[in-house]
N, C-alpha and C. Protein backbone atom coordinates (compact mmCIF):
# COMPACT_ATOMS: atom_id res chain seq x y z
N MET A 1 56.68 111.64 -189.78
CA MET A 1 56.20 110.65 -188.85
C MET A 1 54.72 110.41 -189.11
N ARG A 2 54.33 109.16 -189.13
CA ARG A 2 52.93 108.86 -189.39
C ARG A 2 52.14 108.79 -188.10
N ALA A 3 50.87 109.08 -188.18
CA ALA A 3 49.99 109.01 -187.01
C ALA A 3 49.65 107.55 -186.73
N ILE A 4 49.54 107.23 -185.47
CA ILE A 4 49.21 105.87 -185.06
C ILE A 4 47.84 105.91 -184.40
N ASP A 5 46.92 105.09 -184.90
CA ASP A 5 45.57 105.05 -184.35
C ASP A 5 45.56 104.12 -183.13
N LEU A 6 45.38 104.70 -181.96
CA LEU A 6 45.33 103.93 -180.72
C LEU A 6 43.93 103.93 -180.11
N SER A 7 42.94 104.30 -180.90
CA SER A 7 41.58 104.43 -180.38
C SER A 7 40.97 103.10 -179.96
N SER A 8 41.45 102.00 -180.50
CA SER A 8 40.84 100.71 -180.17
C SER A 8 41.74 99.81 -179.32
N VAL A 9 42.86 100.33 -178.84
CA VAL A 9 43.74 99.49 -178.02
C VAL A 9 43.18 99.35 -176.61
N THR A 10 43.57 98.28 -175.95
CA THR A 10 43.20 98.05 -174.56
C THR A 10 44.42 98.35 -173.70
N TRP A 11 44.26 99.26 -172.77
CA TRP A 11 45.35 99.66 -171.90
C TRP A 11 45.33 98.80 -170.65
N ARG A 12 46.51 98.44 -170.15
CA ARG A 12 46.60 97.73 -168.88
C ARG A 12 47.65 98.40 -168.01
N LYS A 13 47.39 98.40 -166.72
CA LYS A 13 48.33 99.01 -165.79
C LYS A 13 49.53 98.09 -165.64
N SER A 14 50.69 98.67 -165.64
CA SER A 14 51.92 97.91 -165.46
C SER A 14 51.92 97.21 -164.11
N SER A 15 52.47 96.02 -164.07
CA SER A 15 52.57 95.28 -162.81
C SER A 15 53.55 95.97 -161.86
N TYR A 16 54.35 96.89 -162.36
CA TYR A 16 55.29 97.63 -161.52
C TYR A 16 54.67 98.89 -160.91
N SER A 17 53.45 99.23 -161.32
CA SER A 17 52.78 100.38 -160.72
C SER A 17 52.34 100.00 -159.31
N ASN A 18 52.39 100.97 -158.40
CA ASN A 18 52.00 100.62 -157.04
C ASN A 18 50.50 100.75 -156.86
N SER A 19 49.99 100.21 -155.77
CA SER A 19 48.55 100.11 -155.56
C SER A 19 47.92 101.36 -154.95
N ASP A 20 48.71 102.33 -154.52
CA ASP A 20 48.12 103.50 -153.87
C ASP A 20 47.86 104.66 -154.84
N GLY A 21 47.92 104.40 -156.12
CA GLY A 21 47.59 105.43 -157.10
C GLY A 21 48.77 106.19 -157.65
N GLY A 22 49.96 105.95 -157.14
CA GLY A 22 51.14 106.63 -157.64
C GLY A 22 51.87 105.80 -158.67
N ASN A 23 52.71 106.44 -159.46
CA ASN A 23 53.54 105.75 -160.45
C ASN A 23 52.74 104.81 -161.34
N CYS A 24 51.64 105.29 -161.88
CA CYS A 24 50.76 104.43 -162.68
C CYS A 24 51.10 104.53 -164.16
N LEU A 25 51.66 103.48 -164.66
CA LEU A 25 52.04 103.39 -166.06
C LEU A 25 51.13 102.39 -166.73
N GLU A 26 50.59 102.73 -167.89
CA GLU A 26 49.76 101.82 -168.66
C GLU A 26 50.45 101.53 -169.99
N VAL A 27 50.32 100.31 -170.42
CA VAL A 27 50.84 99.90 -171.72
C VAL A 27 49.72 99.26 -172.53
N ALA A 28 49.84 99.34 -173.83
CA ALA A 28 48.86 98.71 -174.72
C ALA A 28 49.57 97.55 -175.41
N ASP A 29 49.06 96.36 -175.18
CA ASP A 29 49.64 95.16 -175.77
C ASP A 29 49.11 94.93 -177.19
N HIS A 30 49.75 94.03 -177.86
CA HIS A 30 49.30 93.51 -179.16
C HIS A 30 49.35 94.53 -180.29
N HIS A 31 50.23 95.49 -180.19
CA HIS A 31 50.47 96.38 -181.33
C HIS A 31 51.65 95.78 -182.07
N PRO A 32 51.60 95.66 -183.38
CA PRO A 32 52.60 94.88 -184.11
C PRO A 32 54.06 95.31 -183.96
N SER A 33 54.34 96.59 -183.92
CA SER A 33 55.75 97.00 -183.91
C SER A 33 56.07 98.04 -182.85
N LEU A 34 55.07 98.42 -182.04
CA LEU A 34 55.26 99.45 -181.04
C LEU A 34 54.72 99.02 -179.69
N VAL A 35 55.24 99.65 -178.66
CA VAL A 35 54.69 99.49 -177.32
C VAL A 35 54.25 100.88 -176.86
N PRO A 36 52.95 101.18 -176.99
CA PRO A 36 52.45 102.47 -176.53
C PRO A 36 52.39 102.50 -175.00
N VAL A 37 52.81 103.62 -174.41
CA VAL A 37 52.87 103.78 -172.96
C VAL A 37 52.26 105.13 -172.61
N ARG A 38 51.50 105.17 -171.50
CA ARG A 38 50.93 106.45 -171.06
C ARG A 38 50.81 106.47 -169.53
N ASP A 39 50.59 107.66 -169.00
CA ASP A 39 50.36 107.86 -167.58
C ASP A 39 48.87 107.65 -167.32
N SER A 40 48.51 106.65 -166.51
CA SER A 40 47.10 106.35 -166.28
C SER A 40 46.39 107.46 -165.51
N LYS A 41 47.12 108.27 -164.78
CA LYS A 41 46.50 109.37 -164.03
C LYS A 41 46.16 110.54 -164.94
N ASP A 42 46.79 110.62 -166.10
CA ASP A 42 46.56 111.73 -167.01
C ASP A 42 46.69 111.25 -168.46
N PRO A 43 45.79 110.36 -168.92
CA PRO A 43 45.92 109.77 -170.26
C PRO A 43 45.81 110.78 -171.40
N ALA A 44 45.15 111.90 -171.17
CA ALA A 44 45.01 112.90 -172.23
C ALA A 44 46.33 113.62 -172.51
N ARG A 45 47.28 113.44 -171.66
CA ARG A 45 48.57 114.10 -171.81
C ARG A 45 49.38 113.57 -172.98
N GLY A 46 49.07 112.37 -173.41
CA GLY A 46 49.75 111.83 -174.57
C GLY A 46 50.34 110.45 -174.33
N VAL A 47 50.91 109.92 -175.38
CA VAL A 47 51.44 108.56 -175.39
C VAL A 47 52.88 108.59 -175.86
N LEU A 48 53.71 107.79 -175.24
CA LEU A 48 55.05 107.54 -175.75
C LEU A 48 54.99 106.20 -176.47
N ALA A 49 55.53 106.13 -177.65
CA ALA A 49 55.52 104.89 -178.42
C ALA A 49 56.96 104.41 -178.59
N PHE A 50 57.26 103.30 -177.96
CA PHE A 50 58.59 102.70 -178.05
C PHE A 50 58.60 101.63 -179.12
N GLY A 51 59.68 101.52 -179.86
CA GLY A 51 59.88 100.35 -180.70
C GLY A 51 60.02 99.13 -179.81
N THR A 52 59.67 97.96 -180.30
CA THR A 52 59.71 96.77 -179.45
C THR A 52 61.10 96.48 -178.91
N ASP A 53 62.14 96.67 -179.72
CA ASP A 53 63.50 96.45 -179.23
C ASP A 53 63.87 97.45 -178.13
N ALA A 54 63.53 98.71 -178.35
CA ALA A 54 63.83 99.75 -177.36
C ALA A 54 63.09 99.48 -176.05
N TRP A 55 61.84 99.05 -176.14
CA TRP A 55 61.07 98.74 -174.93
C TRP A 55 61.70 97.56 -174.18
N GLY A 56 62.13 96.56 -174.91
CA GLY A 56 62.79 95.42 -174.28
C GLY A 56 64.05 95.83 -173.53
N HIS A 57 64.84 96.71 -174.14
CA HIS A 57 66.05 97.21 -173.48
C HIS A 57 65.68 98.01 -172.22
N PHE A 58 64.65 98.83 -172.33
CA PHE A 58 64.20 99.64 -171.19
C PHE A 58 63.76 98.74 -170.03
N VAL A 59 62.94 97.74 -170.31
CA VAL A 59 62.44 96.86 -169.26
C VAL A 59 63.59 96.08 -168.61
N ARG A 60 64.50 95.56 -169.42
CA ARG A 60 65.64 94.83 -168.85
C ARG A 60 66.50 95.75 -167.99
N ALA A 61 66.73 96.96 -168.43
CA ALA A 61 67.53 97.91 -167.65
C ALA A 61 66.83 98.24 -166.33
N TYR A 62 65.52 98.44 -166.38
CA TYR A 62 64.78 98.72 -165.16
C TYR A 62 64.83 97.55 -164.19
N LYS A 63 64.61 96.35 -164.71
CA LYS A 63 64.63 95.16 -163.85
C LYS A 63 65.99 94.98 -163.19
N SER A 64 67.04 95.36 -163.88
CA SER A 64 68.39 95.19 -163.32
C SER A 64 68.61 96.12 -162.12
N THR A 65 67.82 97.19 -162.00
CA THR A 65 67.95 98.08 -160.85
C THR A 65 67.23 97.53 -159.62
N LEU A 66 66.40 96.52 -159.82
CA LEU A 66 65.60 95.97 -158.71
C LEU A 66 66.32 94.88 -157.94
N THR A 67 67.42 94.40 -158.48
CA THR A 67 68.10 93.30 -157.80
C THR A 67 69.27 93.76 -156.99
């Protein structure tokens, strides 16, 4: 597995994160083939990197639980 340099990415809090500080998920946009995800409360803990197709499936599955 190759290392991915995420030192220059801009993280944004997910619109699904709540405003009271809980469930804070951050994603980094504009990476060519991956969607890096981390916990905004503990960013030093590490990053999960999803392939774009896998991330799309995850988001659609999550959204289907909201309806």
